[in-house]
Amino acid sequence: MSDAGVRKIWVELKRLDLGLACFATKNYVPKIKKNDTILSKTNAKNSDSPEYHVTQSIQIREDYGSDEIRSIIKDTFQLHDEDMVLKLRNHRGSLMPISCNIASNSKSVPYSLEVVQKYQNVKPKARSVKRDRYHETMKKKIVELLDRIEKLENASPELKQRQNKIITMEMEELEKKLGFLTKRFHEADSTTWKGMFKKNPLW
């Protein structure tokens, strides 16, 4: 197989999803391939827990896709949890896209691969609808709307006169209808039963 288009990159693994809990014992050994691997140990400041950094070389081709490169990285570092989130950073700490365009680097300046869990840095809160605030907001909006209507009516005095005129006309029309109904009721009350037939039948 030709090595044309193949690049070798160095990646340093940082398991932020596990914290320092898994490094508490001195016998801890990451389960990764031994070829081209550097395992270093440093003591964190103001802490008795050791911190391990695992550096591994990875070969990628120019025709590899992002999913293929992610799969190679996971196989290299034995990362089998599907819920893991991989963050690749350069020596300046800036995030880099995991793609075939990753430039080659040296063993002394490796890329940093941070492994975190989903929502690790965010503490989600339970969804809740606070009805009290909703009612207060709606009341405030209604009051503001009424104030705007009142200001509009005061700004146009003719509008109020027109409203009074329309109300007066409707009241007069309603009085006429009530008078007509009252007359009909009186006529119905004065009606008496005069029998079924006015003339005797012929039988």
N, C-alpha and C. Protein backbone atom coordinates (compact mmCIF):
# COMPACT_ATOMS: atom_id res chain seq x y z
N MET A 1 0.84 -1.19 0.00
CA MET A 1 0.00 0.00 0.00
C MET A 1 0.88 1.24 0.00
N SER A 2 0.62 2.17 -0.89
CA SER A 2 1.44 3.38 -1.02
C SER A 2 1.17 4.32 0.14
N ASP A 3 2.27 5.06 0.56
CA ASP A 3 2.15 6.03 1.65
C ASP A 3 1.82 7.43 1.15
N ALA A 4 1.54 7.56 -0.16
CA ALA A 4 1.20 8.87 -0.70
C ALA A 4 -0.14 9.33 -0.14
N GLY A 5 -0.17 10.58 0.31
CA GLY A 5 -1.40 11.13 0.87
C GLY A 5 -1.66 10.70 2.30
N VAL A 6 -0.66 10.09 2.95
CA VAL A 6 -0.81 9.64 4.34
C VAL A 6 -0.06 10.60 5.25
N ARG A 7 -0.71 11.07 6.29
CA ARG A 7 -0.06 11.96 7.25
C ARG A 7 -0.08 11.33 8.62
N LYS A 8 0.95 11.62 9.39
CA LYS A 8 1.07 11.09 10.75
C LYS A 8 0.90 12.25 11.72
N ILE A 9 -0.06 12.11 12.61
CA ILE A 9 -0.30 13.16 13.59
C ILE A 9 -0.13 12.57 14.99
N TRP A 10 0.26 13.43 15.93
CA TRP A 10 0.41 13.03 17.31
C TRP A 10 -0.71 13.67 18.13
N VAL A 11 -1.35 12.82 18.95
CA VAL A 11 -2.51 13.26 19.72
C VAL A 11 -2.30 12.88 21.18
N GLU A 12 -2.57 13.84 22.06
CA GLU A 12 -2.50 13.61 23.50
C GLU A 12 -3.92 13.47 24.05
N LEU A 13 -4.17 12.35 24.72
CA LEU A 13 -5.51 12.06 25.23
C LEU A 13 -5.71 12.66 26.61
N LYS A 14 -6.87 13.29 26.80
CA LYS A 14 -7.26 13.83 28.11
C LYS A 14 -8.68 13.37 28.39
N ARG A 15 -8.83 12.48 29.37
CA ARG A 15 -10.15 11.95 29.74
C ARG A 15 -10.80 12.86 30.76
N LEU A 16 -11.41 13.94 30.30
CA LEU A 16 -12.09 14.85 31.20
C LEU A 16 -13.41 14.29 31.72
N ASP A 17 -13.91 13.27 31.05
CA ASP A 17 -15.17 12.68 31.49
C ASP A 17 -14.99 11.84 32.75
N LEU A 18 -13.76 11.40 33.00
CA LEU A 18 -13.49 10.59 34.18
C LEU A 18 -12.89 11.39 35.33
N GLY A 19 -12.40 12.58 35.06
CA GLY A 19 -11.75 13.37 36.09
C GLY A 19 -10.47 12.70 36.53
N LEU A 20 -10.12 12.83 37.79
CA LEU A 20 -8.93 12.20 38.34
C LEU A 20 -9.26 10.96 39.16
N ALA A 21 -10.52 10.55 39.13
CA ALA A 21 -10.91 9.42 39.95
C ALA A 21 -10.23 8.13 39.50
N CYS A 22 -10.10 7.96 38.16
CA CYS A 22 -9.51 6.73 37.66
C CYS A 22 -8.00 6.74 37.78
N PHE A 23 -7.38 7.88 38.09
CA PHE A 23 -5.94 7.97 38.21
C PHE A 23 -5.47 7.92 39.67
N ALA A 24 -6.37 7.58 40.57
CA ALA A 24 -6.04 7.66 41.98
C ALA A 24 -5.01 6.61 42.40
N THR A 25 -4.96 5.49 41.66
CA THR A 25 -4.02 4.44 42.01
C THR A 25 -2.79 4.53 41.13
N LYS A 26 -1.66 4.10 41.64
CA LYS A 26 -0.40 4.16 40.89
C LYS A 26 -0.32 3.06 39.84
N ASN A 27 -1.15 2.03 39.94
CA ASN A 27 -1.10 0.91 39.02
C ASN A 27 -1.97 1.12 37.79
N TYR A 28 -2.53 2.31 37.62
CA TYR A 28 -3.43 2.57 36.49
C TYR A 28 -2.62 2.61 35.20
N VAL A 29 -3.05 1.83 34.19
CA VAL A 29 -2.40 1.80 32.88
C VAL A 29 -3.48 1.89 31.82
N PRO A 30 -3.49 2.91 30.99
CA PRO A 30 -4.51 3.01 29.94
C PRO A 30 -4.38 1.86 28.96
N LYS A 31 -5.52 1.37 28.48
CA LYS A 31 -5.53 0.25 27.54
C LYS A 31 -5.46 0.78 26.12
N ILE A 32 -4.25 1.05 25.65
CA ILE A 32 -4.06 1.52 24.29
C ILE A 32 -2.91 0.76 23.66
N LYS A 33 -2.73 0.95 22.39
CA LYS A 33 -1.65 0.28 21.68
C LYS A 33 -0.30 0.81 22.15
N LYS A 34 0.70 -0.06 22.17
CA LYS A 34 2.01 0.33 22.69
C LYS A 34 2.91 0.94 21.63
N ASN A 35 2.57 0.77 20.38
CA ASN A 35 3.42 1.33 19.32
C ASN A 35 3.33 2.84 19.29
N ASP A 36 4.49 3.50 19.25
CA ASP A 36 4.55 4.97 19.17
C ASP A 36 3.72 5.62 20.27
N THR A 37 3.82 5.14 21.50
CA THR A 37 3.05 5.66 22.62
C THR A 37 3.96 6.25 23.67
N ILE A 38 3.58 7.41 24.21
CA ILE A 38 4.33 8.05 25.28
C ILE A 38 3.39 8.21 26.46
N LEU A 39 3.79 7.69 27.60
CA LEU A 39 2.99 7.80 28.82
C LEU A 39 3.78 8.63 29.81
N SER A 40 3.27 9.81 30.13
CA SER A 40 3.96 10.70 31.05
C SER A 40 3.11 10.91 32.28
N LYS A 41 3.79 11.24 33.40
CA LYS A 41 3.11 11.42 34.67
C LYS A 41 3.61 12.72 35.30
N THR A 42 2.65 13.56 35.68
CA THR A 42 3.00 14.81 36.32
C THR A 42 2.15 14.97 37.55
N ASN A 43 2.66 15.71 38.52
CA ASN A 43 1.91 15.98 39.74
C ASN A 43 1.23 17.33 39.63
N ALA A 44 -0.09 17.36 39.80
CA ALA A 44 -0.82 18.61 39.72
C ALA A 44 -0.52 19.46 40.93
N LYS A 45 -0.50 20.77 40.76
CA LYS A 45 -0.24 21.68 41.85
C LYS A 45 -1.37 21.62 42.87
N ASN A 46 -0.94 21.67 44.16
CA ASN A 46 -1.90 21.66 45.27
C ASN A 46 -2.81 20.43 45.25
N SER A 47 -2.29 19.31 44.74
CA SER A 47 -3.09 18.09 44.69
C SER A 47 -2.17 16.90 44.83
N ASP A 48 -2.60 15.86 45.55
CA ASP A 48 -1.84 14.64 45.72
C ASP A 48 -2.15 13.62 44.65
N SER A 49 -3.15 13.87 43.81
CA SER A 49 -3.55 12.91 42.78
C SER A 49 -2.68 13.09 41.55
N PRO A 50 -2.07 12.03 41.01
CA PRO A 50 -1.24 12.15 39.82
C PRO A 50 -2.10 12.35 38.58
N GLU A 51 -1.54 12.92 37.56
CA GLU A 51 -2.26 13.18 36.31
C GLU A 51 -1.46 12.57 35.17
N TYR A 52 -2.08 11.69 34.39
CA TYR A 52 -1.42 10.98 33.31
C TYR A 52 -1.81 11.59 31.97
N HIS A 53 -0.85 11.69 31.08
CA HIS A 53 -1.08 12.15 29.72
C HIS A 53 -0.61 11.06 28.78
N VAL A 54 -1.48 10.60 27.90
CA VAL A 54 -1.16 9.56 26.94
C VAL A 54 -1.08 10.17 25.55
N THR A 55 0.07 9.99 24.90
CA THR A 55 0.27 10.52 23.56
C THR A 55 0.42 9.37 22.59
N GLN A 56 -0.33 9.43 21.50
CA GLN A 56 -0.36 8.34 20.54
C GLN A 56 -0.28 8.91 19.12
N SER A 57 0.41 8.20 18.25
CA SER A 57 0.51 8.62 16.85
C SER A 57 -0.62 7.98 16.04
N ILE A 58 -1.18 8.72 15.11
CA ILE A 58 -2.28 8.25 14.27
C ILE A 58 -1.98 8.62 12.83
N GLN A 59 -2.24 7.69 11.93
CA GLN A 59 -2.03 7.93 10.50
C GLN A 59 -3.39 8.11 9.83
N ILE A 60 -3.51 9.19 9.07
CA ILE A 60 -4.76 9.46 8.34
C ILE A 60 -4.44 9.71 6.89
N ARG A 61 -5.38 9.41 6.01
CA ARG A 61 -5.24 9.63 4.58
C ARG A 61 -6.07 10.83 4.15
N GLU A 62 -5.71 11.38 3.00
CA GLU A 62 -6.38 12.57 2.51
C GLU A 62 -7.82 12.27 2.07
N ASP A 63 -8.10 11.00 1.73
CA ASP A 63 -9.45 10.66 1.26
C ASP A 63 -10.34 10.15 2.39
N TYR A 64 -9.87 10.25 3.65
CA TYR A 64 -10.69 9.82 4.78
C TYR A 64 -11.73 10.89 5.10
N GLY A 65 -12.91 10.43 5.47
CA GLY A 65 -13.94 11.35 5.93
C GLY A 65 -13.86 11.58 7.43
N SER A 66 -14.70 12.49 7.91
CA SER A 66 -14.68 12.82 9.34
C SER A 66 -15.06 11.61 10.20
N ASP A 67 -16.06 10.85 9.76
CA ASP A 67 -16.50 9.68 10.54
C ASP A 67 -15.41 8.63 10.60
N GLU A 68 -14.69 8.44 9.49
CA GLU A 68 -13.61 7.45 9.47
C GLU A 68 -12.49 7.86 10.43
N ILE A 69 -12.16 9.15 10.45
CA ILE A 69 -11.08 9.61 11.33
C ILE A 69 -11.50 9.47 12.79
N ARG A 70 -12.74 9.79 13.08
CA ARG A 70 -13.23 9.62 14.45
C ARG A 70 -13.16 8.15 14.87
N SER A 71 -13.51 7.26 13.95
CA SER A 71 -13.47 5.83 14.25
C SER A 71 -12.03 5.38 14.51
N ILE A 72 -11.08 5.89 13.74
CA ILE A 72 -9.67 5.54 13.95
C ILE A 72 -9.19 6.05 15.30
N ILE A 73 -9.57 7.27 15.65
CA ILE A 73 -9.16 7.83 16.95
C ILE A 73 -9.74 7.00 18.09
N LYS A 74 -11.01 6.62 17.99
CA LYS A 74 -11.63 5.83 19.05
C LYS A 74 -10.99 4.46 19.17
N ASP A 75 -10.67 3.83 18.03
CA ASP A 75 -10.02 2.52 18.08
C ASP A 75 -8.61 2.62 18.65
N THR A 76 -7.92 3.72 18.32
CA THR A 76 -6.54 3.87 18.80
C THR A 76 -6.50 4.01 20.30
N PHE A 77 -7.41 4.80 20.87
CA PHE A 77 -7.42 5.03 22.31
C PHE A 77 -8.43 4.16 23.05
N GLN A 78 -9.04 3.19 22.34
CA GLN A 78 -9.99 2.27 22.96
C GLN A 78 -11.15 3.03 23.61
N LEU A 79 -11.76 3.92 22.86
CA LEU A 79 -12.91 4.69 23.32
C LEU A 79 -14.16 4.09 22.67
N HIS A 80 -14.88 3.32 23.43
CA HIS A 80 -16.01 2.57 22.87
C HIS A 80 -17.36 3.12 23.31
N ASP A 81 -17.37 4.14 24.14
CA ASP A 81 -18.63 4.71 24.59
C ASP A 81 -19.19 5.64 23.50
N GLU A 82 -20.40 5.33 23.04
CA GLU A 82 -21.00 6.13 21.96
C GLU A 82 -21.42 7.51 22.42
N ASP A 83 -21.60 7.71 23.72
CA ASP A 83 -22.04 9.01 24.23
C ASP A 83 -20.89 9.98 24.44
N MET A 84 -19.65 9.55 24.14
CA MET A 84 -18.51 10.44 24.33
C MET A 84 -18.50 11.55 23.28
N VAL A 85 -18.01 12.70 23.69
CA VAL A 85 -17.84 13.83 22.79
C VAL A 85 -16.34 14.11 22.67
N LEU A 86 -15.82 14.14 21.44
CA LEU A 86 -14.39 14.35 21.21
C LEU A 86 -14.16 15.80 20.80
N LYS A 87 -13.20 16.44 21.48
CA LYS A 87 -12.81 17.82 21.18
C LYS A 87 -11.32 17.85 20.89
N LEU A 88 -10.98 18.19 19.67
CA LEU A 88 -9.58 18.25 19.27
C LEU A 88 -9.10 19.70 19.30
N ARG A 89 -7.99 19.95 19.99
CA ARG A 89 -7.44 21.30 20.13
C ARG A 89 -6.00 21.31 19.66
N ASN A 90 -5.59 22.48 19.15
CA ASN A 90 -4.19 22.66 18.76
C ASN A 90 -3.37 23.12 19.95
N HIS A 91 -2.09 23.45 19.70
CA HIS A 91 -1.20 23.81 20.81
C HIS A 91 -1.60 25.14 21.44
N ARG A 92 -2.43 25.95 20.75
CA ARG A 92 -2.91 27.21 21.32
C ARG A 92 -4.21 27.02 22.11
N GLY A 93 -4.77 25.82 22.10
CA GLY A 93 -6.00 25.55 22.82
C GLY A 93 -7.25 25.82 22.02
N SER A 94 -7.10 26.12 20.73
CA SER A 94 -8.26 26.40 19.88
C SER A 94 -8.84 25.09 19.36
N LEU A 95 -10.18 25.04 19.25
CA LEU A 95 -10.85 23.86 18.72
C LEU A 95 -10.55 23.68 17.24
N MET A 96 -10.40 22.42 16.83
CA MET A 96 -10.11 22.08 15.43
C MET A 96 -11.15 21.10 14.92
N PRO A 97 -11.56 21.23 13.66
CA PRO A 97 -12.46 20.22 13.09
C PRO A 97 -11.72 18.92 12.84
N ILE A 98 -12.37 17.82 13.17
CA ILE A 98 -11.78 16.51 12.92
C ILE A 98 -12.07 16.13 11.49
N SER A 99 -11.07 16.29 10.62
CA SER A 99 -11.24 16.02 9.19
C SER A 99 -9.89 15.60 8.61
N CYS A 100 -9.88 15.34 7.31
CA CYS A 100 -8.65 14.92 6.64
C CYS A 100 -7.69 16.09 6.43
N ASN A 101 -8.11 17.30 6.77
CA ASN A 101 -7.24 18.47 6.59
C ASN A 101 -6.37 18.75 7.81
N ILE A 102 -6.35 17.85 8.79
CA ILE A 102 -5.49 18.03 9.95
C ILE A 102 -4.03 17.96 9.51
N ALA A 103 -3.28 18.99 9.85
CA ALA A 103 -1.87 19.04 9.43
C ALA A 103 -1.02 18.14 10.30
N SER A 104 0.09 17.66 9.76
CA SER A 104 1.02 16.85 10.52
C SER A 104 1.68 17.70 11.60
N ASN A 105 2.02 17.07 12.70
CA ASN A 105 2.67 17.78 13.80
C ASN A 105 3.79 16.90 14.35
N SER A 106 4.45 17.41 15.37
CA SER A 106 5.58 16.69 15.95
C SER A 106 5.17 16.05 17.26
N LYS A 107 6.02 15.13 17.71
CA LYS A 107 5.77 14.44 18.96
C LYS A 107 5.85 15.39 20.15
N SER A 108 6.68 16.43 20.03
CA SER A 108 6.85 17.37 21.14
C SER A 108 5.70 18.35 21.25
N VAL A 109 4.97 18.58 20.16
CA VAL A 109 3.82 19.50 20.17
C VAL A 109 2.59 18.75 19.64
N PRO A 110 2.03 17.87 20.42
CA PRO A 110 0.90 17.08 19.93
C PRO A 110 -0.41 17.87 20.01
N TYR A 111 -1.40 17.37 19.27
CA TYR A 111 -2.75 17.89 19.42
C TYR A 111 -3.34 17.34 20.72
N SER A 112 -4.28 18.07 21.29
CA SER A 112 -4.92 17.65 22.53
C SER A 112 -6.33 17.15 22.21
N LEU A 113 -6.60 15.91 22.62
CA LEU A 113 -7.92 15.31 22.41
C LEU A 113 -8.64 15.22 23.75
N GLU A 114 -9.64 16.04 23.93
CA GLU A 114 -10.42 16.04 25.17
C GLU A 114 -11.65 15.16 24.98
N VAL A 115 -11.85 14.26 25.92
CA VAL A 115 -13.00 13.37 25.91
C VAL A 115 -13.94 13.79 27.03
N VAL A 116 -15.15 14.18 26.68
CA VAL A 116 -16.13 14.63 27.67
C VAL A 116 -17.45 13.92 27.41
N GLN A 117 -18.30 13.94 28.41
CA GLN A 117 -19.65 13.41 28.26
C GLN A 117 -20.59 14.52 27.78
N LYS A 118 -21.73 14.12 27.25
CA LYS A 118 -22.72 15.10 26.81
C LYS A 118 -23.21 15.90 28.01
N TYR A 119 -23.31 17.20 27.81
CA TYR A 119 -23.79 18.13 28.85
C TYR A 119 -22.94 18.05 30.12
N GLN A 120 -21.65 17.74 29.96
CA GLN A 120 -20.80 17.62 31.14
C GLN A 120 -20.61 18.96 31.83
N ASN A 121 -20.49 20.03 31.05
CA ASN A 121 -20.23 21.35 31.62
C ASN A 121 -21.50 22.15 31.85
N VAL A 122 -22.66 21.54 31.59
CA VAL A 122 -23.94 22.22 31.78
C VAL A 122 -24.81 21.35 32.67
N LYS A 123 -25.36 21.93 33.69
CA LYS A 123 -26.25 21.22 34.59
C LYS A 123 -27.70 21.53 34.21
N PRO A 124 -28.35 20.63 33.48
CA PRO A 124 -29.73 20.92 33.07
C PRO A 124 -30.67 20.94 34.25
N LYS A 125 -31.66 21.81 34.18
CA LYS A 125 -32.68 21.92 35.21
C LYS A 125 -33.98 21.33 34.70
N ALA A 126 -34.76 20.85 35.62
CA ALA A 126 -36.05 20.28 35.25
C ALA A 126 -36.95 21.34 34.65
N ARG A 127 -37.67 20.96 33.60
CA ARG A 127 -38.57 21.91 32.96
C ARG A 127 -39.76 22.20 33.86
N SER A 128 -40.06 23.46 34.01
CA SER A 128 -41.20 23.85 34.84
C SER A 128 -41.77 25.15 34.30
N VAL A 129 -43.08 25.21 34.31
CA VAL A 129 -43.77 26.41 33.86
C VAL A 129 -44.31 27.13 35.09
N LYS A 130 -43.80 28.28 35.36
CA LYS A 130 -44.23 29.05 36.52
C LYS A 130 -45.45 29.88 36.13
N ARG A 131 -46.62 29.42 36.55
CA ARG A 131 -47.87 30.06 36.16
C ARG A 131 -48.02 31.44 36.77
N ASP A 132 -47.43 31.64 37.96
CA ASP A 132 -47.58 32.94 38.61
C ASP A 132 -46.99 34.04 37.73
N ARG A 133 -45.81 33.83 37.23
CA ARG A 133 -45.19 34.83 36.37
C ARG A 133 -45.98 35.01 35.08
N TYR A 134 -46.55 33.93 34.57
CA TYR A 134 -47.33 34.03 33.34
C TYR A 134 -48.56 34.90 33.55
N HIS A 135 -49.26 34.69 34.66
CA HIS A 135 -50.45 35.50 34.95
C HIS A 135 -50.07 36.96 35.16
N GLU A 136 -48.99 37.19 35.86
CA GLU A 136 -48.56 38.57 36.09
C GLU A 136 -48.22 39.26 34.76
N THR A 137 -47.57 38.53 33.88
CA THR A 137 -47.22 39.10 32.57
C THR A 137 -48.47 39.42 31.77
N MET A 138 -49.47 38.51 31.77
CA MET A 138 -50.69 38.75 31.02
C MET A 138 -51.47 39.93 31.59
N LYS A 139 -51.54 40.03 32.93
CA LYS A 139 -52.23 41.17 33.54
C LYS A 139 -51.56 42.48 33.17
N LYS A 140 -50.26 42.48 33.17
CA LYS A 140 -49.52 43.69 32.81
C LYS A 140 -49.79 44.09 31.37
N LYS A 141 -49.85 43.11 30.48
CA LYS A 141 -50.13 43.41 29.07
C LYS A 141 -51.55 43.95 28.90
N ILE A 142 -52.51 43.38 29.63
CA ILE A 142 -53.90 43.86 29.53
C ILE A 142 -54.02 45.29 30.03
N VAL A 143 -53.36 45.58 31.16
CA VAL A 143 -53.40 46.94 31.70
C VAL A 143 -52.78 47.92 30.72
N GLU A 144 -51.66 47.54 30.12
CA GLU A 144 -51.02 48.41 29.14
C GLU A 144 -51.93 48.64 27.93
N LEU A 145 -52.63 47.59 27.50
CA LEU A 145 -53.54 47.73 26.37
C LEU A 145 -54.70 48.66 26.70
N LEU A 146 -55.26 48.52 27.89
CA LEU A 146 -56.36 49.41 28.30
C LEU A 146 -55.89 50.85 28.40
N ASP A 147 -54.69 51.06 28.89
CA ASP A 147 -54.16 52.43 28.98
C ASP A 147 -54.00 53.03 27.58
N ARG A 148 -53.55 52.23 26.64
CA ARG A 148 -53.39 52.74 25.27
C ARG A 148 -54.74 53.09 24.65
N ILE A 149 -55.76 52.25 24.92
CA ILE A 149 -57.09 52.55 24.38
C ILE A 149 -57.64 53.83 24.99
N GLU A 150 -57.45 53.98 26.31
CA GLU A 150 -57.94 55.19 26.98
C GLU A 150 -57.24 56.44 26.45
N LYS A 151 -55.95 56.36 26.22
CA LYS A 151 -55.22 57.50 25.67
C LYS A 151 -55.71 57.83 24.27
N LEU A 152 -56.00 56.78 23.49
CA LEU A 152 -56.50 57.01 22.14
C LEU A 152 -57.87 57.68 22.16
N GLU A 153 -58.72 57.26 23.07
CA GLU A 153 -60.05 57.88 23.17
C GLU A 153 -59.95 59.33 23.62
N ASN A 154 -59.09 59.61 24.54
CA ASN A 154 -58.91 60.99 25.01
C ASN A 154 -58.29 61.87 23.93
N ALA A 155 -57.49 61.30 23.09
CA ALA A 155 -56.84 62.08 22.04
C ALA A 155 -57.81 62.45 20.92
N SER A 156 -58.90 61.70 20.76
CA SER A 156 -59.88 62.00 19.70
C SER A 156 -61.26 62.16 20.34
N PRO A 157 -61.65 63.38 20.74
CA PRO A 157 -62.96 63.59 21.40
C PRO A 157 -64.14 63.24 20.51
N GLU A 158 -64.01 63.38 19.19
CA GLU A 158 -65.12 63.06 18.29
C GLU A 158 -65.45 61.57 18.36
N LEU A 159 -64.46 60.76 18.63
CA LEU A 159 -64.71 59.33 18.70
C LEU A 159 -65.68 59.00 19.83
N LYS A 160 -65.50 59.66 20.96
CA LYS A 160 -66.40 59.42 22.09
C LYS A 160 -67.82 59.87 21.77
N GLN A 161 -67.97 61.01 21.06
CA GLN A 161 -69.29 61.49 20.68
C GLN A 161 -69.97 60.51 19.72
N ARG A 162 -69.21 59.99 18.79
CA ARG A 162 -69.77 59.01 17.86
C ARG A 162 -70.21 57.76 18.60
N GLN A 163 -69.40 57.33 19.56
CA GLN A 163 -69.78 56.16 20.34
C GLN A 163 -71.09 56.40 21.09
N ASN A 164 -71.23 57.60 21.71
CA ASN A 164 -72.46 57.91 22.45
C ASN A 164 -73.66 57.98 21.52
N LYS A 165 -73.48 58.51 20.32
CA LYS A 165 -74.57 58.60 19.35
C LYS A 165 -75.02 57.21 18.91
N ILE A 166 -74.04 56.34 18.66
CA ILE A 166 -74.38 54.97 18.24
C ILE A 166 -75.10 54.23 19.36
N ILE A 167 -74.63 54.43 20.60
CA ILE A 167 -75.27 53.77 21.74
C ILE A 167 -76.70 54.27 21.91
N THR A 168 -76.92 55.59 21.71
CA THR A 168 -78.27 56.15 21.84
C THR A 168 -79.21 55.58 20.78
N MET A 169 -78.74 55.48 19.54
CA MET A 169 -79.55 54.92 18.46
C MET A 169 -79.90 53.46 18.74
N GLU A 170 -78.94 52.72 19.23
CA GLU A 170 -79.20 51.31 19.52
C GLU A 170 -80.20 51.17 20.67
N MET A 171 -80.09 52.05 21.66
CA MET A 171 -81.05 52.01 22.77
C MET A 171 -82.45 52.33 22.30
N GLU A 172 -82.61 53.34 21.41
CA GLU A 172 -83.93 53.69 20.88
C GLU A 172 -84.52 52.53 20.08
N GLU A 173 -83.68 51.90 19.28
CA GLU A 173 -84.16 50.76 18.49
C GLU A 173 -84.59 49.63 19.40
N LEU A 174 -83.84 49.44 20.48
CA LEU A 174 -84.18 48.38 21.42
C LEU A 174 -85.49 48.68 22.14
N GLU A 175 -85.73 49.96 22.47
CA GLU A 175 -86.99 50.36 23.11
C GLU A 175 -88.18 50.12 22.19
N LYS A 176 -88.03 50.41 20.90
CA LYS A 176 -89.11 50.16 19.95
C LYS A 176 -89.46 48.67 19.90
N LYS A 177 -88.42 47.84 19.89
CA LYS A 177 -88.66 46.39 19.82
C LYS A 177 -89.34 45.90 21.11
N LEU A 178 -88.90 46.45 22.24
CA LEU A 178 -89.53 46.05 23.50
C LEU A 178 -91.00 46.49 23.54
N GLY A 179 -91.29 47.71 23.03
CA GLY A 179 -92.67 48.18 22.98
C GLY A 179 -93.53 47.30 22.10
N PHE A 180 -93.02 46.90 20.96
CA PHE A 180 -93.77 46.02 20.06
C PHE A 180 -94.06 44.67 20.74
N LEU A 181 -93.04 44.12 21.43
CA LEU A 181 -93.24 42.84 22.11
C LEU A 181 -94.25 42.97 23.25
N THR A 182 -94.20 44.11 23.97
CA THR A 182 -95.16 44.33 25.07
C THR A 182 -96.60 44.39 24.53
N LYS A 183 -96.79 45.06 23.39
CA LYS A 183 -98.11 45.15 22.77
C LYS A 183 -98.62 43.77 22.38
N ARG A 184 -97.75 42.97 21.84
CA ARG A 184 -98.17 41.62 21.44
C ARG A 184 -98.55 40.77 22.66
N PHE A 185 -97.79 40.93 23.74
CA PHE A 185 -98.11 40.18 24.95
C PHE A 185 -99.49 40.56 25.49
N HIS A 186 -99.83 41.88 25.46
CA HIS A 186 -101.14 42.33 25.93
C HIS A 186 -102.24 41.76 25.05
N GLU A 187 -102.04 41.76 23.75
CA GLU A 187 -103.05 41.20 22.84
C GLU A 187 -103.26 39.72 23.11
N ALA A 188 -102.15 39.03 23.39
CA ALA A 188 -102.28 37.59 23.66
C ALA A 188 -103.01 37.35 24.97
N ASP A 189 -102.81 38.21 25.98
CA ASP A 189 -103.48 38.03 27.26
C ASP A 189 -104.99 38.28 27.16
N SER A 190 -105.41 39.19 26.29
CA SER A 190 -106.84 39.54 26.18
C SER A 190 -107.60 38.56 25.31
N THR A 191 -106.99 37.66 24.69
CA THR A 191 -107.67 36.69 23.83
C THR A 191 -108.37 35.64 24.69
N THR A 192 -109.65 35.34 24.37
CA THR A 192 -110.43 34.33 25.11
C THR A 192 -110.83 33.21 24.18
N TRP A 193 -111.08 32.06 24.77
CA TRP A 193 -111.47 30.88 23.98
C TRP A 193 -112.98 30.95 23.69
N LYS A 194 -113.37 30.93 22.41
CA LYS A 194 -114.76 31.03 21.99
C LYS A 194 -115.30 29.72 21.44
N GLY A 195 -114.65 28.69 21.66
CA GLY A 195 -115.11 27.39 21.19
C GLY A 195 -114.45 27.00 19.89
N MET A 196 -114.70 25.74 19.54
CA MET A 196 -114.04 25.22 18.35
C MET A 196 -114.80 25.59 17.08
N PHE A 197 -116.18 25.60 17.20
CA PHE A 197 -116.98 25.89 16.02
C PHE A 197 -117.94 27.04 16.33
N LYS A 198 -118.12 27.92 15.36
CA LYS A 198 -119.08 29.00 15.52
C LYS A 198 -120.49 28.57 15.11
N LYS A 199 -120.64 27.59 14.28
CA LYS A 199 -121.94 27.07 13.85
C LYS A 199 -122.07 25.61 14.27
N ASN A 200 -123.31 25.20 14.50
CA ASN A 200 -123.52 23.80 14.85
C ASN A 200 -123.23 22.92 13.65
N PRO A 201 -122.66 21.80 13.92
CA PRO A 201 -122.42 20.88 12.79
C PRO A 201 -123.73 20.36 12.23
N LEU A 202 -123.76 19.82 11.03
CA LEU A 202 -124.96 19.36 10.33
C LEU A 202 -125.36 17.93 10.72
N TRP A 203 -124.63 17.30 11.61
CA TRP A 203 -125.05 15.92 11.97
C TRP A 203 -126.00 15.89 13.12
